[in-house]
C-alpha cells in the first residue's frame, strides 16, 4: 500500500509542474501586451448587376464576378 501513497504524491508534483510550465507560456507583467483583436468587416449587401465589380477590374459586376460559374 505504500506504493499507492507514492503514486498520489507523484501525481501532485506532476500537476504542479504542468501548472508551472503553463504559467511560463502566459505573458507576464514585464512583457508587452498582446495587440487588440481585429474586427472583421462584412459587406452589407452584394453589388447589383450593373454596379462596378468590387474586384477592381473596371467591368460591370454581371460581366465579371457575377457570372454564373465564375
PDB file of N, CA and C in Angstrom:
ATOM      1  N   UNK A   1       0.798  -1.199   0.000  1.00  0.00           N
ATOM      2  CA  UNK A   1       0.000   0.000   0.000  1.00  0.00           C
ATOM      3  C   UNK A   1       0.837   1.257   0.000  1.00  0.00           C
ATOM      4  N   UNK A   2       2.064   1.146   0.383  1.00  0.00           N
ATOM      5  CA  UNK A   2       2.927   2.320   0.400  1.00  0.00           C
ATOM      6  C   UNK A   2       3.153   2.846  -1.008  1.00  0.00           C
ATOM      7  N   UNK A   3       3.107   1.925  -1.987  1.00  0.00           N
ATOM      8  CA  UNK A   3       3.322   2.359  -3.356  1.00  0.00           C
ATOM      9  C   UNK A   3       2.186   3.279  -3.829  1.00  0.00           C
ATOM     10  N   UNK A   4       0.949   3.000  -3.399  1.00  0.00           N
ATOM     11  CA  UNK A   4      -0.180   3.838  -3.769  1.00  0.00           C
ATOM     12  C   UNK A   4      -0.029   5.254  -3.245  1.00  0.00           C
ATOM     13  N   UNK A   5       0.512   5.395  -2.063  1.00  0.00           N
ATOM     14  CA  UNK A   5       0.729   6.725  -1.494  1.00  0.00           C
ATOM     15  C   UNK A   5       1.778   7.492  -2.297  1.00  0.00           C
ATOM     16  N   UNK A   6       2.814   6.787  -2.788  1.00  0.00           N
ATOM     17  CA  UNK A   6       3.828   7.443  -3.609  1.00  0.00           C
ATOM     18  C   UNK A   6       3.242   7.899  -4.937  1.00  0.00           C
ATOM     19  N   UNK A   7       2.342   7.087  -5.515  1.00  0.00           N
ATOM     20  CA  UNK A   7       1.733   7.456  -6.792  1.00  0.00           C
ATOM     21  C   UNK A   7       0.934   8.751  -6.647  1.00  0.00           C
ATOM     22  N   UNK A   8       0.211   8.895  -5.553  1.00  0.00           N
ATOM     23  CA  UNK A   8      -0.565  10.116  -5.342  1.00  0.00           C
ATOM     24  C   UNK A   8       0.354  11.326  -5.218  1.00  0.00           C
ATOM     25  N   UNK A   9       1.457  11.147  -4.525  1.00  0.00           N
ATOM     26  CA  UNK A   9       2.412  12.241  -4.379  1.00  0.00           C
ATOM     27  C   UNK A   9       3.041  12.611  -5.713  1.00  0.00           C
ATOM     28  N   UNK A  10       3.337  11.599  -6.547  1.00  0.00           N
ATOM     29  CA  UNK A  10       3.904  11.870  -7.872  1.00  0.00           C
ATOM     30  C   UNK A  10       2.910  12.617  -8.743  1.00  0.00           C
ATOM     31  N   UNK A  11       1.646  12.228  -8.643  1.00  0.00           N
ATOM     32  CA  UNK A  11       0.633  12.916  -9.444  1.00  0.00           C
ATOM     33  C   UNK A  11       0.499  14.371  -9.020  1.00  0.00           C
ATOM     34  N   UNK A  12       0.597  14.631  -7.740  1.00  0.00           N
ATOM     35  CA  UNK A  12       0.523  16.012  -7.260  1.00  0.00           C
ATOM     36  C   UNK A  12       1.686  16.826  -7.808  1.00  0.00           C
ATOM     37  N   UNK A  13       2.899  16.274  -7.753  1.00  0.00           N
ATOM     38  CA  UNK A  13       4.067  17.000  -8.235  1.00  0.00           C
ATOM     39  C   UNK A  13       4.023  17.175  -9.747  1.00  0.00           C
ATOM     40  N   UNK A  14       3.494  16.179 -10.471  1.00  0.00           N
ATOM     41  CA  UNK A  14       3.353  16.312 -11.921  1.00  0.00           C
ATOM     42  C   UNK A  14       2.367  17.428 -12.256  1.00  0.00           C
ATOM     43  N   UNK A  15       1.261  17.476 -11.519  1.00  0.00           N
ATOM     44  CA  UNK A  15       0.253  18.515 -11.768  1.00  0.00           C
ATOM     45  C   UNK A  15       0.828  19.896 -11.477  1.00  0.00           C
ATOM     46  N   UNK A  16       1.594  20.011 -10.392  1.00  0.00           N
ATOM     47  CA  UNK A  16       2.197  21.292 -10.034  1.00  0.00           C
ATOM     48  C   UNK A  16       3.231  21.701 -11.084  1.00  0.00           C
ATOM     49  N   UNK A  17       3.991  20.737 -11.600  1.00  0.00           N
ATOM     50  CA  UNK A  17       4.996  21.038 -12.628  1.00  0.00           C
ATOM     51  C   UNK A  17       4.315  21.490 -13.921  1.00  0.00           C
ATOM     52  N   UNK A  18       3.209  20.814 -14.300  1.00  0.00           N
ATOM     53  CA  UNK A  18       2.485  21.216 -15.517  1.00  0.00           C
ATOM     54  C   UNK A  18       1.899  22.620 -15.363  1.00  0.00           C
ATOM     55  N   UNK A  19       1.370  22.945 -14.195  1.00  0.00           N
ATOM     56  CA  UNK A  19       0.819  24.282 -13.953  1.00  0.00           C
ATOM     57  C   UNK A  19       1.916  25.342 -14.033  1.00  0.00           C
ATOM     58  N   UNK A  20       3.089  25.025 -13.503  1.00  0.00           N
ATOM     59  CA  UNK A  20       4.204  25.970 -13.560  1.00  0.00           C
ATOM     60  C   UNK A  20       4.669  26.163 -15.006  1.00  0.00           C
ATOM     61  N   UNK A  21       4.754  25.066 -15.784  1.00  0.00           N
ATOM     62  CA  UNK A  21       5.153  25.172 -17.188  1.00  0.00           C
ATOM     63  C   UNK A  21       4.132  25.981 -17.981  1.00  0.00           C
ATOM     64  N   UNK A  22       2.848  25.797 -17.665  1.00  0.00           N
ATOM     65  CA  UNK A  22       1.800  26.538 -18.375  1.00  0.00           C
ATOM     66  C   UNK A  22       1.881  28.035 -18.065  1.00  0.00           C
ATOM     67  N   UNK A  23       2.197  28.368 -16.814  1.00  0.00           N
ATOM     68  CA  UNK A  23       2.274  29.781 -16.453  1.00  0.00           C
ATOM     69  C   UNK A  23       3.456  30.464 -17.130  1.00  0.00           C
ATOM     70  N   UNK A  24       4.467  29.706 -17.525  1.00  0.00           N
ATOM     71  CA  UNK A  24       5.596  30.294 -18.253  1.00  0.00           C
ATOM     72  C   UNK A  24       5.182  30.734 -19.649  1.00  0.00           C
ATOM     73  N   UNK A  25       4.150  30.112 -20.222  1.00  0.00           N
ATOM     74  CA  UNK A  25       3.707  30.427 -21.572  1.00  0.00           C
ATOM     75  C   UNK A  25       2.863  31.693 -21.614  1.00  0.00           C
ATOM     76  N   UNK A  26       2.252  32.073 -20.503  1.00  0.00           N
ATOM     77  CA  UNK A  26       1.401  33.249 -20.472  1.00  0.00           C
ATOM     78  C   UNK A  26       2.246  34.516 -20.375  1.00  0.00           C
ATOM     79  N   UNK A  27       1.804  35.637 -20.988  1.00  0.00           N
ATOM     80  CA  UNK A  27       2.587  36.872 -20.882  1.00  0.00           C
ATOM     81  C   UNK A  27       2.586  37.396 -19.450  1.00  0.00           C
ATOM     82  N   UNK A  28       3.740  37.855 -18.997  1.00  0.00           N
ATOM     83  CA  UNK A  28       3.868  38.379 -17.644  1.00  0.00           C
ATOM     84  C   UNK A  28       3.678  39.880 -17.612  1.00  0.00           C
ATOM     85  N   UNK A  29       3.860  40.470 -16.444  1.00  0.00           N
ATOM     86  CA  UNK A  29       3.676  41.910 -16.294  1.00  0.00           C
ATOM     87  C   UNK A  29       4.758  42.699 -17.006  1.00  0.00           C
ATOM     88  N   UNK A  30       5.962  42.140 -17.101  1.00  0.00           N
ATOM     89  CA  UNK A  30       7.061  42.869 -17.722  1.00  0.00           C
ATOM     90  C   UNK A  30       7.118  42.670 -19.236  1.00  0.00           C
ATOM     91  N   UNK A  31       6.276  41.813 -19.787  1.00  0.00           N
ATOM     92  CA  UNK A  31       6.266  41.568 -21.227  1.00  0.00           C
ATOM     93  C   UNK A  31       5.247  42.490 -21.900  1.00  0.00           C
ATOM     94  N   UNK A  32       5.432  42.781 -23.188  1.00  0.00           N
ATOM     95  CA  UNK A  32       4.475  43.646 -23.883  1.00  0.00           C
ATOM     96  C   UNK A  32       3.105  42.969 -23.983  1.00  0.00           C
ATOM     97  N   UNK A  33       2.075  43.774 -23.950  1.00  0.00           N
ATOM     98  CA  UNK A  33       0.712  43.261 -24.029  1.00  0.00           C
ATOM     99  C   UNK A  33       0.415  42.751 -25.436  1.00  0.00           C
ATOM    100  N   UNK A  34      -0.555  41.860 -25.549  1.00  0.00           N
ATOM    101  CA  UNK A  34      -0.973  41.347 -26.845  1.00  0.00           C
ATOM    102  C   UNK A  34      -1.716  42.455 -27.592  1.00  0.00           C
ATOM    103  N   UNK A  35      -1.650  42.473 -28.934  1.00  0.00           N
ATOM    104  CA  UNK A  35      -2.366  43.509 -29.689  1.00  0.00           C
ATOM    105  C   UNK A  35      -3.875  43.319 -29.566  1.00  0.00           C
ATOM    106  N   UNK A  36      -4.598  44.395 -29.794  1.00  0.00           N
ATOM    107  CA  UNK A  36      -6.055  44.342 -29.746  1.00  0.00           C
ATOM    108  C   UNK A  36      -6.562  43.459 -30.880  1.00  0.00           C
ATOM    109  N   UNK A  37      -7.653  42.713 -30.679  1.00  0.00           N
ATOM    110  CA  UNK A  37      -8.187  41.873 -31.753  1.00  0.00           C
ATOM    111  C   UNK A  37      -8.727  42.735 -32.891  1.00  0.00           C
ATOM    112  N   UNK A  38      -8.605  42.229 -34.091  1.00  0.00           N
ATOM    113  CA  UNK A  38      -9.046  42.943 -35.285  1.00  0.00           C
ATOM    114  C   UNK A  38     -10.478  42.537 -35.592  1.00  0.00           C
ATOM    115  N   UNK A  39     -11.332  43.519 -35.847  1.00  0.00           N
ATOM    116  CA  UNK A  39     -12.717  43.225 -36.189  1.00  0.00           C
ATOM    117  C   UNK A  39     -12.828  42.960 -37.687  1.00  0.00           C
ATOM    118  N   UNK A  40     -13.612  41.966 -38.050  1.00  0.00           N
ATOM    119  CA  UNK A  40     -13.832  41.624 -39.443  1.00  0.00           C
ATOM    120  C   UNK A  40     -14.869  42.565 -40.030  1.00  0.00           C
ATOM    121  N   UNK A  41     -14.608  43.060 -41.218  1.00  0.00           N
ATOM    122  CA  UNK A  41     -15.541  43.944 -41.908  1.00  0.00           C
ATOM    123  C   UNK A  41     -16.361  43.110 -42.870  1.00  0.00           C
ATOM    124  N   UNK A  42     -17.674  43.164 -42.726  1.00  0.00           N
ATOM    125  CA  UNK A  42     -18.575  42.428 -43.594  1.00  0.00           C
ATOM    126  C   UNK A  42     -19.331  43.405 -44.478  1.00  0.00           C
ATOM    127  N   UNK A  43     -19.464  43.059 -45.757  1.00  0.00           N
ATOM    128  CA  UNK A  43     -20.249  43.885 -46.669  1.00  0.00           C
ATOM    129  C   UNK A  43     -21.725  43.675 -46.345  1.00  0.00           C
ATOM    130  N   UNK A  44     -22.502  44.751 -46.333  1.00  0.00           N
ATOM    131  CA  UNK A  44     -23.928  44.636 -46.020  1.00  0.00           C
ATOM    132  C   UNK A  44     -24.687  43.899 -47.123  1.00  0.00           C
ATOM    133  N   UNK A  45     -24.445  44.269 -48.361  1.00  0.00           N
ATOM    134  CA  UNK A  45     -25.154  43.645 -49.476  1.00  0.00           C
ATOM    135  C   UNK A  45     -24.177  43.360 -50.603  1.00  0.00           C
ATOM    136  N   UNK A  46     -24.580  42.496 -51.509  1.00  0.00           N
ATOM    137  CA  UNK A  46     -23.778  42.254 -52.698  1.00  0.00           C
ATOM    138  C   UNK A  46     -24.047  43.371 -53.702  1.00  0.00           C
ATOM    139  N   UNK A  47     -23.082  43.618 -54.581  1.00  0.00           N
ATOM    140  CA  UNK A  47     -23.336  44.639 -55.600  1.00  0.00           C
ATOM    141  C   UNK A  47     -24.432  44.184 -56.563  1.00  0.00           C
ATOM    142  N   UNK A  48     -25.150  45.149 -57.107  1.00  0.00           N
ATOM    143  CA  UNK A  48     -26.196  44.828 -58.069  1.00  0.00           C
ATOM    144  C   UNK A  48     -25.561  44.537 -59.424  1.00  0.00           C
ATOM    145  N   UNK A  49     -26.330  44.031 -60.344  1.00  0.00           N
ATOM    146  CA  UNK A  49     -25.802  43.570 -61.633  1.00  0.00           C
ATOM    147  C   UNK A  49     -25.061  44.657 -62.400  1.00  0.00           C
ATOM    148  N   UNK A  50     -25.542  45.883 -62.378  1.00  0.00           N
ATOM    149  CA  UNK A  50     -24.934  46.948 -63.175  1.00  0.00           C
ATOM    150  C   UNK A  50     -23.945  47.803 -62.394  1.00  0.00           C
ATOM    151  N   UNK A  51     -23.679  47.462 -61.150  1.00  0.00           N
ATOM    152  CA  UNK A  51     -22.675  48.178 -60.365  1.00  0.00           C
ATOM    153  C   UNK A  51     -21.281  47.754 -60.811  1.00  0.00           C
ATOM    154  N   UNK A  52     -20.271  48.619 -60.617  1.00  0.00           N
ATOM    155  CA  UNK A  52     -18.909  48.196 -60.939  1.00  0.00           C
ATOM    156  C   UNK A  52     -18.485  47.037 -60.041  1.00  0.00           C
ATOM    157  N   UNK A  53     -17.673  46.153 -60.562  1.00  0.00           N
ATOM    158  CA  UNK A  53     -17.244  44.969 -59.824  1.00  0.00           C
ATOM    159  C   UNK A  53     -16.312  45.382 -58.681  1.00  0.00           C
ATOM    160  N   UNK A  54     -16.493  44.827 -57.497  1.00  0.00           N
ATOM    161  CA  UNK A  54     -15.644  45.190 -56.363  1.00  0.00           C
ATOM    162  C   UNK A  54     -14.216  44.650 -56.471  1.00  0.00           C
ATOM    163  N   UNK A  55     -13.924  43.779 -57.438  1.00  0.00           N
ATOM    164  CA  UNK A  55     -12.573  43.242 -57.553  1.00  0.00           C
ATOM    165  C   UNK A  55     -11.626  44.255 -58.183  1.00  0.00           C
ATOM    166  N   UNK A  56     -12.170  45.333 -58.764  1.00  0.00           N
ATOM    167  CA  UNK A  56     -11.327  46.391 -59.318  1.00  0.00           C
ATOM    168  C   UNK A  56     -10.992  46.216 -60.788  1.00  0.00           C
ATOM    169  N   UNK A  57     -11.689  45.328 -61.466  1.00  0.00           N
ATOM    170  CA  UNK A  57     -11.381  45.097 -62.877  1.00  0.00           C
ATOM    171  C   UNK A  57     -11.888  46.227 -63.772  1.00  0.00           C
ATOM    172  N   UNK A  58     -12.861  46.974 -63.309  1.00  0.00           N
ATOM    173  CA  UNK A  58     -13.433  48.049 -64.110  1.00  0.00           C
ATOM    174  C   UNK A  58     -14.646  47.591 -64.905  1.00  0.00           C
ATOM    175  N   UNK A  59     -14.926  46.305 -64.912  1.00  0.00           N
ATOM    176  CA  UNK A  59     -16.089  45.773 -65.619  1.00  0.00           C
ATOM    177  C   UNK A  59     -17.312  45.860 -64.715  1.00  0.00           C
ATOM    178  N   UNK A  60     -18.496  45.662 -65.319  1.00  0.00           N
ATOM    179  CA  UNK A  60     -19.703  45.569 -64.523  1.00  0.00           C
ATOM    180  C   UNK A  60     -19.678  44.246 -63.766  1.00  0.00           C
ATOM    181  N   UNK A  61     -20.376  44.214 -62.643  1.00  0.00           N
ATOM    182  CA  UNK A  61     -20.405  43.020 -61.812  1.00  0.00           C
ATOM    183  C   UNK A  61     -20.957  41.828 -62.589  1.00  0.00           C
ATOM    184  N   UNK A  62     -21.975  42.065 -63.438  1.00  0.00           N
ATOM    185  CA  UNK A  62     -22.591  40.949 -64.161  1.00  0.00           C
ATOM    186  C   UNK A  62     -21.664  40.370 -65.228  1.00  0.00           C
ATOM    187  N   UNK A  63     -20.666  41.140 -65.667  1.00  0.00           N
ATOM    188  CA  UNK A  63     -19.740  40.652 -66.674  1.00  0.00           C
ATOM    189  C   UNK A  63     -18.459  40.088 -66.064  1.00  0.00           C
ATOM    190  N   UNK A  64     -18.274  40.223 -64.783  1.00  0.00           N
ATOM    191  CA  UNK A  64     -17.031  39.798 -64.136  1.00  0.00           C
ATOM    192  C   UNK A  64     -17.301  38.722 -63.082  1.00  0.00           C
ATOM    193  N   UNK A  65     -17.384  39.084 -61.857  1.00  0.00           N
ATOM    194  CA  UNK A  65     -17.546  38.128 -60.760  1.00  0.00           C
ATOM    195  C   UNK A  65     -18.988  37.676 -60.558  1.00  0.00           C
ATOM    196  N   UNK A  66     -19.948  38.345 -61.166  1.00  0.00           N
ATOM    197  CA  UNK A  66     -21.351  37.975 -61.002  1.00  0.00           C
ATOM    198  C   UNK A  66     -21.814  36.949 -62.000  1.00  0.00           C
ATOM    199  N   UNK A  67     -20.946  36.479 -62.846  1.00  0.00           N
ATOM    200  CA  UNK A  67     -21.312  35.471 -63.828  1.00  0.00           C
ATOM    201  C   UNK A  67     -21.586  34.135 -63.146  1.00  0.00           C
ATOM    202  N   UNK A  68     -22.592  33.418 -63.621  1.00  0.00           N
ATOM    203  CA  UNK A  68     -22.764  32.060 -63.099  1.00  0.00           C
ATOM    204  C   UNK A  68     -21.580  31.200 -63.535  1.00  0.00           C
ATOM    205  N   UNK A  69     -20.993  30.494 -62.615  1.00  0.00           N
ATOM    206  CA  UNK A  69     -19.843  29.644 -62.923  1.00  0.00           C
ATOM    207  C   UNK A  69     -18.527  30.381 -62.893  1.00  0.00           C
ATOM    208  N   UNK A  70     -18.525  31.645 -62.422  1.00  0.00           N
ATOM    209  CA  UNK A  70     -17.276  32.409 -62.383  1.00  0.00           C
ATOM    210  C   UNK A  70     -16.432  32.035 -61.215  1.00  0.00           C
TER     211      UNK A  70
END
